[in-house]
Amino acid sequence: MKFTSTRALRQLLQHGVVATMRQNDKVLVRGKFYMPLYYPLKTVKIRHGRRVVGLGVIAEVVKNNRANRIRLLPLSGFRTVEEWESEAIRIFGRLPNSIVVVILVRRYG
């Protein structure tokens, strides 16, 4: 899981948990069935650029709507919902369809 936003990465490394907006598309698994890219209990490598900075576990994946953005704002690392939304639009070009809550399991370096 690549982190482009330094605020979100700082939130994860300092507090051990982050809520991050992601485009949760379905991917073909072994040519047989489609599965979401992010799902609860999936282990992910935390990357900043090309460097792996930690290992995390996805705790929750929720639909990206106003109510969930307000509820998960304290875990995002941003001060306001508007600030969080504008950062997501800057990175993705639009608002992603999911909010993924990641818990840091191990930090490298």
Protein backbone atom coordinates (compact mmCIF):
# COMPACT_ATOMS: atom_id res chain seq x y z
CA MET A 1 0.00 0.00 0.00
CA LYS A 2 1.71 3.15 -1.22
CA PHE A 3 1.35 6.37 0.78
CA THR A 4 1.74 9.57 -1.22
CA SER A 5 0.38 11.87 1.48
CA THR A 6 3.00 12.55 4.15
CA ARG A 7 0.25 13.51 6.62
CA ALA A 8 -1.42 10.11 6.36
CA LEU A 9 1.91 8.31 6.63
CA ARG A 10 2.90 10.40 9.67
CA GLN A 11 -0.46 9.55 11.31
CA LEU A 12 0.18 5.84 10.75
CA LEU A 13 3.78 5.84 11.98
CA GLN A 14 3.14 8.04 15.05
CA HIS A 15 -0.22 6.67 16.20
CA GLY A 16 -0.25 3.17 14.70
CA VAL A 17 -3.53 3.59 12.84
CA VAL A 18 -4.74 5.59 9.83
CA ALA A 19 -7.91 6.00 7.79
CA THR A 20 -7.01 6.51 4.14
CA MET A 21 -9.13 6.98 1.03
CA ARG A 22 -8.52 4.33 -1.63
CA GLN A 23 -10.00 3.23 -4.93
CA ASN A 24 -11.12 -0.31 -4.04
CA ASP A 25 -11.41 -2.00 -7.43
CA LYS A 26 -12.04 -5.69 -7.87
CA VAL A 27 -9.14 -7.72 -9.25
CA LEU A 28 -9.13 -11.11 -10.97
CA VAL A 29 -7.68 -13.81 -8.70
CA ARG A 30 -6.04 -16.80 -10.42
CA GLY A 31 -8.25 -16.21 -13.47
CA LYS A 32 -11.28 -17.53 -11.61
CA PHE A 33 -13.07 -14.85 -9.59
CA TYR A 34 -12.98 -11.16 -8.72
CA MET A 35 -12.04 -9.98 -5.25
CA PRO A 36 -11.70 -6.46 -3.81
CA LEU A 37 -8.17 -5.12 -3.68
CA TYR A 38 -8.61 -4.10 -0.01
CA TYR A 39 -10.49 -6.26 2.50
CA PRO A 40 -10.39 -6.70 6.31
CA LEU A 41 -7.49 -8.71 7.81
CA LYS A 42 -5.37 -8.40 4.65
CA THR A 43 -1.68 -7.85 5.41
CA VAL A 44 -0.12 -4.98 3.43
CA LYS A 45 3.39 -3.58 3.03
CA ILE A 46 3.43 0.13 3.86
CA ARG A 47 5.44 2.00 1.22
CA HIS A 48 6.60 5.59 0.92
CA GLY A 49 7.99 6.02 -2.56
CA ARG A 50 9.97 2.86 -3.28
CA ARG A 51 10.92 2.25 0.35
CA VAL A 52 9.01 -0.20 2.56
CA VAL A 53 8.53 1.52 5.92
CA GLY A 54 6.30 -0.98 7.69
CA LEU A 55 3.81 -3.79 7.71
CA GLY A 56 0.12 -3.26 8.37
CA VAL A 57 -3.22 -5.03 8.61
CA ILE A 58 -6.46 -3.68 7.17
CA ALA A 59 -8.95 -3.38 10.01
CA GLU A 60 -11.97 -1.95 8.19
CA VAL A 61 -13.10 -1.01 4.69
CA VAL A 62 -16.13 1.30 4.42
CA LYS A 63 -17.90 3.16 1.66
CA ASN A 64 -16.58 6.68 1.14
CA ASN A 65 -19.47 8.97 2.05
CA ARG A 66 -19.77 12.15 4.10
CA ALA A 67 -20.87 10.36 7.29
CA ASN A 68 -17.92 7.93 7.21
CA ARG A 69 -15.47 10.74 6.43
CA ILE A 70 -16.70 12.66 9.50
CA ARG A 71 -16.59 9.52 11.69
CA LEU A 72 -13.05 8.54 10.61
CA LEU A 73 -11.57 12.06 10.45
CA PRO A 74 -9.64 11.68 13.77
CA LEU A 75 -7.80 8.67 12.26
CA SER A 76 -6.94 10.41 8.98
CA GLY A 77 -4.23 12.82 10.15
CA PHE A 78 -6.08 15.85 8.70
CA ARG A 79 -7.73 18.72 10.59
CA THR A 80 -10.93 18.99 8.50
CA VAL A 81 -12.96 16.83 6.15
CA GLU A 82 -12.49 19.40 3.37
CA GLU A 83 -8.70 19.24 3.77
CA TRP A 84 -8.82 15.42 3.58
CA GLU A 85 -11.09 15.52 0.52
CA SER A 86 -8.88 18.02 -1.33
CA GLU A 87 -5.77 15.90 -0.69
CA ALA A 88 -7.56 12.80 -2.04
CA ILE A 89 -8.70 14.70 -5.14
CA ARG A 90 -5.15 15.98 -5.66
CA ILE A 91 -3.77 12.43 -5.53
CA PHE A 92 -6.52 10.47 -7.34
CA GLY A 93 -8.18 13.15 -9.49
CA ARG A 94 -11.52 12.42 -7.78
CA LEU A 95 -12.81 11.03 -4.50
CA PRO A 96 -12.04 7.30 -4.19
CA ASN A 97 -14.89 4.88 -3.47
CA SER A 98 -13.61 3.48 -0.14
CA ILE A 99 -12.00 4.44 3.14
CA VAL A 100 -9.54 1.86 4.44
CA VAL A 101 -8.47 1.74 8.10
CA VAL A 102 -4.94 0.34 8.47
CA ILE A 103 -3.25 -0.71 11.73
CA LEU A 104 0.55 -0.69 11.86
CA VAL A 105 1.92 -4.09 12.93
CA ARG A 106 5.65 -3.56 12.40
CA ARG A 107 7.76 -0.51 11.58
CA TYR A 108 10.99 -0.83 9.59
CA GLY A 109 13.92 1.58 10.00
